Amino acid sequence: MTTAKKAQSTSYRLEAALRRSKQAATHIALELEVQPTEGKIRVALDGRPIPRDVQESLFGPSAINIPEFGQARIKQGK
């Protein structure tokens, strides 16, 4: 790696670390947001799916909207 590329890589890493620390410092937790404890996210996995209305209240509306999938869901009655 050339000296110029090393300098770019180093400055990028420093900028990225600075950006992450600023975001972490100003982060406001959502009401139902799952927070890690001791670096681990602890959840109970009981095998039951989360209902669609609860999913939307927890995670917000889906960002991926594929019309073919939506039509398939409508045909299945879900």
PDB file of N, CA and C in Angstrom:
ATOM      1  N   MET A   1       0.850  -1.168   0.000  1.00  0.00           N
ATOM      2  CA  MET A   1       0.000   0.000   0.000  1.00  0.00           C
ATOM      3  C   MET A   1       0.901   1.237   0.000  1.00  0.00           C
ATOM      4  N   THR A   2       0.548   2.177  -0.842  1.00  0.00           N
ATOM      5  CA  THR A   2       1.364   3.390  -0.928  1.00  0.00           C
ATOM      6  C   THR A   2       1.086   4.294   0.264  1.00  0.00           C
ATOM      7  N   THR A   3       1.968   5.248   0.446  1.00  0.00           N
ATOM      8  CA  THR A   3       1.827   6.181   1.561  1.00  0.00           C
ATOM      9  C   THR A   3       0.538   6.990   1.449  1.00  0.00           C
ATOM     10  N   ALA A   4       0.185   7.394   0.219  1.00  0.00           N
ATOM     11  CA  ALA A   4      -1.041   8.177   0.023  1.00  0.00           C
ATOM     12  C   ALA A   4      -2.270   7.367   0.405  1.00  0.00           C
ATOM     13  N   LYS A   5      -2.287   6.089  -0.002  1.00  0.00           N
ATOM     14  CA  LYS A   5      -3.446   5.243   0.326  1.00  0.00           C
ATOM     15  C   LYS A   5      -3.524   4.993   1.823  1.00  0.00           C
ATOM     16  N   LYS A   6      -2.380   4.831   2.481  1.00  0.00           N
ATOM     17  CA  LYS A   6      -2.382   4.637   3.933  1.00  0.00           C
ATOM     18  C   LYS A   6      -2.944   5.869   4.633  1.00  0.00           C
ATOM     19  N   ALA A   7      -2.558   7.052   4.151  1.00  0.00           N
ATOM     20  CA  ALA A   7      -3.051   8.290   4.752  1.00  0.00           C
ATOM     21  C   ALA A   7      -4.559   8.422   4.563  1.00  0.00           C
ATOM     22  N   GLN A   8      -5.051   8.076   3.357  1.00  0.00           N
ATOM     23  CA  GLN A   8      -6.486   8.130   3.106  1.00  0.00           C
ATOM     24  C   GLN A   8      -7.226   7.147   3.998  1.00  0.00           C
ATOM     25  N   SER A   9      -6.684   5.942   4.116  1.00  0.00           N
ATOM     26  CA  SER A   9      -7.309   4.911   4.937  1.00  0.00           C
ATOM     27  C   SER A   9      -7.361   5.349   6.402  1.00  0.00           C
ATOM     28  N   THR A  10      -6.286   5.918   6.883  1.00  0.00           N
ATOM     29  CA  THR A  10      -6.227   6.364   8.274  1.00  0.00           C
ATOM     30  C   THR A  10      -7.208   7.496   8.527  1.00  0.00           C
ATOM     31  N   SER A  11      -7.245   8.477   7.612  1.00  0.00           N
ATOM     32  CA  SER A  11      -8.159   9.599   7.819  1.00  0.00           C
ATOM     33  C   SER A  11      -9.609   9.137   7.734  1.00  0.00           C
ATOM     34  N   TYR A  12      -9.892   8.186   6.846  1.00  0.00           N
ATOM     35  CA  TYR A  12     -11.251   7.648   6.752  1.00  0.00           C
ATOM     36  C   TYR A  12     -11.641   6.951   8.043  1.00  0.00           C
ATOM     37  N   ARG A  13     -10.752   6.158   8.589  1.00  0.00           N
ATOM     38  CA  ARG A  13     -11.040   5.448   9.839  1.00  0.00           C
ATOM     39  C   ARG A  13     -11.283   6.428  10.986  1.00  0.00           C
ATOM     40  N   LEU A  14     -10.493   7.468  11.040  1.00  0.00           N
ATOM     41  CA  LEU A  14     -10.680   8.464  12.097  1.00  0.00           C
ATOM     42  C   LEU A  14     -12.020   9.179  11.939  1.00  0.00           C
ATOM     43  N   GLU A  15     -12.356   9.574  10.712  1.00  0.00           N
ATOM     44  CA  GLU A  15     -13.635  10.248  10.465  1.00  0.00           C
ATOM     45  C   GLU A  15     -14.812   9.326  10.790  1.00  0.00           C
ATOM     46  N   ALA A  16     -14.702   8.050  10.412  1.00  0.00           N
ATOM     47  CA  ALA A  16     -15.769   7.092  10.689  1.00  0.00           C
ATOM     48  C   ALA A  16     -15.944   6.899  12.195  1.00  0.00           C
ATOM     49  N   ALA A  17     -14.846   6.792  12.918  1.00  0.00           N
ATOM     50  CA  ALA A  17     -14.915   6.623  14.369  1.00  0.00           C
ATOM     51  C   ALA A  17     -15.523   7.859  15.025  1.00  0.00           C
ATOM     52  N   LEU A  18     -15.155   9.034  14.546  1.00  0.00           N
ATOM     53  CA  LEU A  18     -15.711  10.273  15.082  1.00  0.00           C
ATOM     54  C   LEU A  18     -17.209  10.351  14.826  1.00  0.00           C
ATOM     55  N   ARG A  19     -17.637   9.978  13.622  1.00  0.00           N
ATOM     56  CA  ARG A  19     -19.058  10.001  13.276  1.00  0.00           C
ATOM     57  C   ARG A  19     -19.851   9.023  14.146  1.00  0.00           C
ATOM     58  N   ARG A  20     -19.311   7.808  14.333  1.00  0.00           N
ATOM     59  CA  ARG A  20     -19.996   6.817  15.175  1.00  0.00           C
ATOM     60  C   ARG A  20     -20.116   7.302  16.612  1.00  0.00           C
ATOM     61  N   SER A  21     -19.065   7.929  17.126  1.00  0.00           N
ATOM     62  CA  SER A  21     -19.120   8.392  18.517  1.00  0.00           C
ATOM     63  C   SER A  21     -20.133   9.530  18.673  1.00  0.00           C
ATOM     64  N   LYS A  22     -20.229  10.419  17.662  1.00  0.00           N
ATOM     65  CA  LYS A  22     -21.220  11.495  17.728  1.00  0.00           C
ATOM     66  C   LYS A  22     -22.636  10.931  17.683  1.00  0.00           C
ATOM     67  N   GLN A  23     -22.859   9.940  16.825  1.00  0.00           N
ATOM     68  CA  GLN A  23     -24.187   9.337  16.739  1.00  0.00           C
ATOM     69  C   GLN A  23     -24.548   8.637  18.047  1.00  0.00           C
ATOM     70  N   ALA A  24     -23.599   7.936  18.630  1.00  0.00           N
ATOM     71  CA  ALA A  24     -23.862   7.236  19.884  1.00  0.00           C
ATOM     72  C   ALA A  24     -24.152   8.226  21.015  1.00  0.00           C
ATOM     73  N   ALA A  25     -23.475   9.362  20.995  1.00  0.00           N
ATOM     74  CA  ALA A  25     -23.667  10.350  22.060  1.00  0.00           C
ATOM     75  C   ALA A  25     -25.028  11.025  21.981  1.00  0.00           C
ATOM     76  N   THR A  26     -25.573  11.169  20.773  1.00  0.00           N
ATOM     77  CA  THR A  26     -26.838  11.876  20.617  1.00  0.00           C
ATOM     78  C   THR A  26     -28.016  10.935  20.421  1.00  0.00           C
ATOM     79  N   HIS A  27     -27.804   9.637  20.540  1.00  0.00           N
ATOM     80  CA  HIS A  27     -28.869   8.660  20.311  1.00  0.00           C
ATOM     81  C   HIS A  27     -29.919   8.737  21.418  1.00  0.00           C
ATOM     82  N   ILE A  28     -31.165   8.814  21.011  1.00  0.00           N
ATOM     83  CA  ILE A  28     -32.278   8.787  21.953  1.00  0.00           C
ATOM     84  C   ILE A  28     -33.027   7.478  21.726  1.00  0.00           C
ATOM     85  N   ALA A  29     -33.111   6.672  22.739  1.00  0.00           N
ATOM     86  CA  ALA A  29     -33.754   5.365  22.603  1.00  0.00           C
ATOM     87  C   ALA A  29     -35.256   5.520  22.382  1.00  0.00           C
ATOM     88  N   LEU A  30     -35.802   4.685  21.500  1.00  0.00           N
ATOM     89  CA  LEU A  30     -37.240   4.658  21.276  1.00  0.00           C
ATOM     90  C   LEU A  30     -37.904   3.945  22.442  1.00  0.00           C
ATOM     91  N   GLU A  31     -39.198   4.128  22.579  1.00  0.00           N
ATOM     92  CA  GLU A  31     -39.918   3.589  23.729  1.00  0.00           C
ATOM     93  C   GLU A  31     -39.792   2.074  23.832  1.00  0.00           C
ATOM     94  N   LEU A  32     -39.986   1.353  22.737  1.00  0.00           N
ATOM     95  CA  LEU A  32     -39.947  -0.117  22.771  1.00  0.00           C
ATOM     96  C   LEU A  32     -38.670  -0.686  22.152  1.00  0.00           C
ATOM     97  N   GLU A  33     -37.643   0.124  22.024  1.00  0.00           N
ATOM     98  CA  GLU A  33     -36.401  -0.324  21.398  1.00  0.00           C
ATOM     99  C   GLU A  33     -35.680  -1.318  22.303  1.00  0.00           C
ATOM    100  N   VAL A  34     -35.188  -2.389  21.715  1.00  0.00           N
ATOM    101  CA  VAL A  34     -34.439  -3.400  22.461  1.00  0.00           C
ATOM    102  C   VAL A  34     -33.016  -2.883  22.629  1.00  0.00           C
ATOM    103  N   GLN A  35     -32.577  -2.757  23.861  1.00  0.00           N
ATOM    104  CA  GLN A  35     -31.245  -2.244  24.161  1.00  0.00           C
ATOM    105  C   GLN A  35     -30.326  -3.386  24.582  1.00  0.00           C
ATOM    106  N   PRO A  36     -29.077  -3.364  24.129  1.00  0.00           N
ATOM    107  CA  PRO A  36     -28.141  -4.404  24.558  1.00  0.00           C
ATOM    108  C   PRO A  36     -27.723  -4.204  26.015  1.00  0.00           C
ATOM    109  N   THR A  37     -27.475  -5.315  26.689  1.00  0.00           N
ATOM    110  CA  THR A  37     -26.915  -5.261  28.034  1.00  0.00           C
ATOM    111  C   THR A  37     -25.618  -6.045  28.007  1.00  0.00           C
ATOM    112  N   GLU A  38     -24.563  -5.442  28.481  1.00  0.00           N
ATOM    113  CA  GLU A  38     -23.234  -6.039  28.462  1.00  0.00           C
ATOM    114  C   GLU A  38     -22.842  -6.456  27.041  1.00  0.00           C
ATOM    115  N   GLY A  39     -23.226  -5.634  26.063  1.00  0.00           N
ATOM    116  CA  GLY A  39     -22.830  -5.894  24.682  1.00  0.00           C
ATOM    117  C   GLY A  39     -23.638  -6.956  23.969  1.00  0.00           C
ATOM    118  N   LYS A  40     -24.709  -7.470  24.592  1.00  0.00           N
ATOM    119  CA  LYS A  40     -25.514  -8.518  23.967  1.00  0.00           C
ATOM    120  C   LYS A  40     -26.981  -8.121  23.982  1.00  0.00           C
ATOM    121  N   ILE A  41     -27.671  -8.429  22.900  1.00  0.00           N
ATOM    122  CA  ILE A  41     -29.109  -8.201  22.853  1.00  0.00           C
ATOM    123  C   ILE A  41     -29.776  -9.485  23.326  1.00  0.00           C
ATOM    124  N   ARG A  42     -30.557  -9.372  24.362  1.00  0.00           N
ATOM    125  CA  ARG A  42     -31.196 -10.558  24.947  1.00  0.00           C
ATOM    126  C   ARG A  42     -32.689 -10.526  24.630  1.00  0.00           C
ATOM    127  N   VAL A  43     -33.137 -11.548  23.919  1.00  0.00           N
ATOM    128  CA  VAL A  43     -34.554 -11.655  23.576  1.00  0.00           C
ATOM    129  C   VAL A  43     -35.002 -13.087  23.821  1.00  0.00           C
ATOM    130  N   ALA A  44     -36.275 -13.250  24.053  1.00  0.00           N
ATOM    131  CA  ALA A  44     -36.844 -14.585  24.231  1.00  0.00           C
ATOM    132  C   ALA A  44     -37.335 -15.075  22.871  1.00  0.00           C
ATOM    133  N   LEU A  45     -36.827 -16.200  22.440  1.00  0.00           N
ATOM    134  CA  LEU A  45     -37.239 -16.772  21.165  1.00  0.00           C
ATOM    135  C   LEU A  45     -38.160 -17.950  21.450  1.00  0.00           C
ATOM    136  N   ASP A  46     -39.454 -17.710  21.388  1.00  0.00           N
ATOM    137  CA  ASP A  46     -40.392 -18.784  21.694  1.00  0.00           C
ATOM    138  C   ASP A  46     -40.984 -19.422  20.442  1.00  0.00           C
ATOM    139  N   GLY A  47     -40.551 -19.005  19.267  1.00  0.00           N
ATOM    140  CA  GLY A  47     -40.994 -19.641  18.032  1.00  0.00           C
ATOM    141  C   GLY A  47     -42.278 -19.088  17.457  1.00  0.00           C
ATOM    142  N   ARG A  48     -42.925 -18.160  18.145  1.00  0.00           N
ATOM    143  CA  ARG A  48     -44.160 -17.588  17.620  1.00  0.00           C
ATOM    144  C   ARG A  48     -43.826 -16.364  16.770  1.00  0.00           C
ATOM    145  N   PRO A  49     -44.440 -16.236  15.590  1.00  0.00           N
ATOM    146  CA  PRO A  49     -44.183 -15.053  14.775  1.00  0.00           C
ATOM    147  C   PRO A  49     -44.843 -13.813  15.383  1.00  0.00           C
ATOM    148  N   ILE A  50     -44.267 -12.669  15.112  1.00  0.00           N
ATOM    149  CA  ILE A  50     -44.839 -11.412  15.583  1.00  0.00           C
ATOM    150  C   ILE A  50     -45.938 -11.010  14.604  1.00  0.00           C
ATOM    151  N   PRO A  51     -47.153 -10.722  15.068  1.00  0.00           N
ATOM    152  CA  PRO A  51     -48.229 -10.303  14.166  1.00  0.00           C
ATOM    153  C   PRO A  51     -47.840  -9.039  13.382  1.00  0.00           C
ATOM    154  N   ARG A  52     -48.394  -8.893  12.188  1.00  0.00           N
ATOM    155  CA  ARG A  52     -48.013  -7.793  11.299  1.00  0.00           C
ATOM    156  C   ARG A  52     -48.263  -6.421  11.933  1.00  0.00           C
ATOM    157  N   ASP A  53     -49.389  -6.246  12.642  1.00  0.00           N
ATOM    158  CA  ASP A  53     -49.661  -4.936  13.243  1.00  0.00           C
ATOM    159  C   ASP A  53     -48.662  -4.622  14.360  1.00  0.00           C
ATOM    160  N   VAL A  54     -48.244  -5.648  15.087  1.00  0.00           N
ATOM    161  CA  VAL A  54     -47.251  -5.445  16.140  1.00  0.00           C
ATOM    162  C   VAL A  54     -45.890  -5.157  15.514  1.00  0.00           C
ATOM    163  N   GLN A  55     -45.573  -5.831  14.396  1.00  0.00           N
ATOM    164  CA  GLN A  55     -44.316  -5.568  13.696  1.00  0.00           C
ATOM    165  C   GLN A  55     -44.230  -4.109  13.293  1.00  0.00           C
ATOM    166  N   GLU A  56     -45.324  -3.580  12.727  1.00  0.00           N
ATOM    167  CA  GLU A  56     -45.309  -2.190  12.297  1.00  0.00           C
ATOM    168  C   GLU A  56     -45.166  -1.236  13.477  1.00  0.00           C
ATOM    169  N   SER A  57     -45.774  -1.570  14.609  1.00  0.00           N
ATOM    170  CA  SER A  57     -45.642  -0.678  15.766  1.00  0.00           C
ATOM    171  C   SER A  57     -44.228  -0.739  16.355  1.00  0.00           C
ATOM    172  N   LEU A  58     -43.575  -1.898  16.263  1.00  0.00           N
ATOM    173  CA  LEU A  58     -42.221  -2.035  16.793  1.00  0.00           C
ATOM    174  C   LEU A  58     -41.163  -1.478  15.853  1.00  0.00           C
ATOM    175  N   PHE A  59     -41.253  -1.845  14.572  1.00  0.00           N
ATOM    176  CA  PHE A  59     -40.193  -1.543  13.619  1.00  0.00           C
ATOM    177  C   PHE A  59     -40.544  -0.455  12.621  1.00  0.00           C
ATOM    178  N   GLY A  60     -41.788   0.035  12.648  1.00  0.00           N
ATOM    179  CA  GLY A  60     -42.212   1.030  11.675  1.00  0.00           C
ATOM    180  C   GLY A  60     -42.671   0.343  10.396  1.00  0.00           C
ATOM    181  N   PRO A  61     -43.153   1.124   9.428  1.00  0.00           N
ATOM    182  CA  PRO A  61     -43.627   0.523   8.186  1.00  0.00           C
ATOM    183  C   PRO A  61     -42.471  -0.098   7.408  1.00  0.00           C
ATOM    184  N   SER A  62     -42.781  -1.109   6.653  1.00  0.00           N
ATOM    185  CA  SER A  62     -41.764  -1.799   5.870  1.00  0.00           C
ATOM    186  C   SER A  62     -41.229  -0.872   4.791  1.00  0.00           C
ATOM    187  N   ALA A  63     -39.913  -0.854   4.628  1.00  0.00           N
ATOM    188  CA  ALA A  63     -39.288  -0.001   3.620  1.00  0.00           C
ATOM    189  C   ALA A  63     -39.260  -0.683   2.266  1.00  0.00           C
ATOM    190  N   ILE A  64     -39.451  -1.978   2.226  1.00  0.00           N
ATOM    191  CA  ILE A  64     -39.423  -2.721   0.970  1.00  0.00           C
ATOM    192  C   ILE A  64     -40.859  -3.021   0.576  1.00  0.00           C
ATOM    193  N   ASN A  65     -41.255  -2.506  -0.559  1.00  0.00           N
ATOM    194  CA  ASN A  65     -42.612  -2.727  -1.032  1.00  0.00           C
ATOM    195  C   ASN A  65     -42.530  -3.329  -2.426  1.00  0.00           C
ATOM    196  N   ILE A  66     -42.627  -4.638  -2.520  1.00  0.00           N
ATOM    197  CA  ILE A  66     -42.572  -5.335  -3.800  1.00  0.00           C
ATOM    198  C   ILE A  66     -43.999  -5.705  -4.170  1.00  0.00           C
ATOM    199  N   PRO A  67     -44.538  -5.122  -5.249  1.00  0.00           N
ATOM    200  CA  PRO A  67     -45.944  -5.337  -5.593  1.00  0.00           C
ATOM    201  C   PRO A  67     -46.320  -6.810  -5.756  1.00  0.00           C
ATOM    202  N   GLU A  68     -45.439  -7.607  -6.332  1.00  0.00           N
ATOM    203  CA  GLU A  68     -45.745  -9.027  -6.534  1.00  0.00           C
ATOM    204  C   GLU A  68     -45.963  -9.731  -5.203  1.00  0.00           C
ATOM    205  N   PHE A  69     -45.161  -9.406  -4.210  1.00  0.00           N
ATOM    206  CA  PHE A  69     -45.315 -10.029  -2.897  1.00  0.00           C
ATOM    207  C   PHE A  69     -46.602  -9.565  -2.227  1.00  0.00           C
ATOM    208  N   GLY A  70     -46.910  -8.290  -2.374  1.00  0.00           N
ATOM    209  CA  GLY A  70     -48.151  -7.768  -1.810  1.00  0.00           C
ATOM    210  C   GLY A  70     -49.374  -8.435  -2.425  1.00  0.00           C
ATOM    211  N   GLN A  71     -49.345  -8.635  -3.752  1.00  0.00           N
ATOM    212  CA  GLN A  71     -50.457  -9.304  -4.424  1.00  0.00           C
ATOM    213  C   GLN A  71     -50.575 -10.751  -3.959  1.00  0.00           C
ATOM    214  N   ALA A  72     -49.446 -11.420  -3.757  1.00  0.00           N
ATOM    215  CA  ALA A  72     -49.475 -12.798  -3.274  1.00  0.00           C
ATOM    216  C   ALA A  72     -50.077 -12.874  -1.875  1.00  0.00           C
ATOM    217  N   ARG A  73     -49.737 -11.892  -1.007  1.00  0.00           N
ATOM    218  CA  ARG A  73     -50.309 -11.861   0.342  1.00  0.00           C
ATOM    219  C   ARG A  73     -51.810 -11.644   0.286  1.00  0.00           C
ATOM    220  N   ILE A  74     -52.267 -10.772  -0.609  1.00  0.00           N
ATOM    221  CA  ILE A  74     -53.693 -10.493  -0.732  1.00  0.00           C
ATOM    222  C   ILE A  74     -54.426 -11.766  -1.189  1.00  0.00           C
ATOM    223  N   LYS A  75     -53.819 -12.490  -2.123  1.00  0.00           N
ATOM    224  CA  LYS A  75     -54.443 -13.728  -2.611  1.00  0.00           C
ATOM    225  C   LYS A  75     -54.543 -14.768  -1.511  1.00  0.00           C
ATOM    226  N   GLN A  76     -53.545 -14.787  -0.625  1.00  0.00           N
ATOM    227  CA  GLN A  76     -53.549 -15.761   0.472  1.00  0.00           C
ATOM    228  C   GLN A  76     -54.465 -15.309   1.611  1.00  0.00           C
ATOM    229  N   GLY A  77     -54.902 -14.068   1.589  1.00  0.00           N
ATOM    230  CA  GLY A  77     -55.777 -13.559   2.633  1.00  0.00           C
ATOM    231  C   GLY A  77     -55.055 -13.102   3.873  1.00  0.00           C
ATOM    232  N   LYS A  78     -53.799 -12.716   3.742  1.00  0.00           N
ATOM    233  CA  LYS A  78     -53.021 -12.262   4.909  1.00  0.00           C
ATOM    234  C   LYS A  78     -52.855 -10.779   4.866  1.00  0.00           C
TER     235      LYS A  78
END
